[in-house]
């Protein structure tokens, strides 16, 4: 048996615990030693998911989270060069196990988006002096590369915030009107905010067309001229202060 065959057999055992054929390849009496490696493999991946989704773990409870993690590990072997990326498709397992619990799916999205945002590319923010000279008729809005967005149908943001602060979380509830969850990094801190439908859709529209005038026109069409212009100014000022928008180009 060559080394490549041995390595493939060992990986098969770790991932699937499979096969008499694998045991024959690896040698008689290997089971006890292999079990040690397999336990370590699973424990390490469970630990990765616990680190990536700490508040989700608290919300689900230890037993339910562990069972879900094991289900995920059995069907999703590591696929990237770093274990930091292991939880990227954990939502697929959550969707399958909890199809009628959107609060769980949105909590998982929050935690993963916060992790992604923290390691996203940085961007240089425009100074106030530079903003004074912008030709807004031709300007294009620059969103921070760390910005992540997701539709919010539940109070998952309130649940996550309470868990993060060590407080008693509210009961899960479906929102009367969907809104949005936004995550971005401001300086060295990843931030989470719930936004209403107008702000959520305004940010989404900038991804499709980042021209300032097009964005303003859309708000005017929706809210009327006076309210639309006022909303555009209010949102832009807030996004610039929060670092969600880094400037124009």
Foldseek 3Di string as FASTA:
>chain_A
DDPVVLVVLLVCCLQAVDDPVSDVVNDPPCVVVSVVVNVVQLVVQLVLVCVLQVLLCVVCDVVRSSVLSVVCSNPQPDDDPDSNCRCVCSLVSVCVVCVPDVLSSVSSVVSNLQVQQQPWDADAFDDPVVQVPDPLQFWFWAFGRSKDKDKAQKVSVQQSVCVVVVHDGDDIDGDPAIWMWIWHDDPNGIDIDTGGNVLRVLVVVSVVPRRNVVSLVVQCVVPNNVVSVVVSVVSVVVCSVRRRIRHID
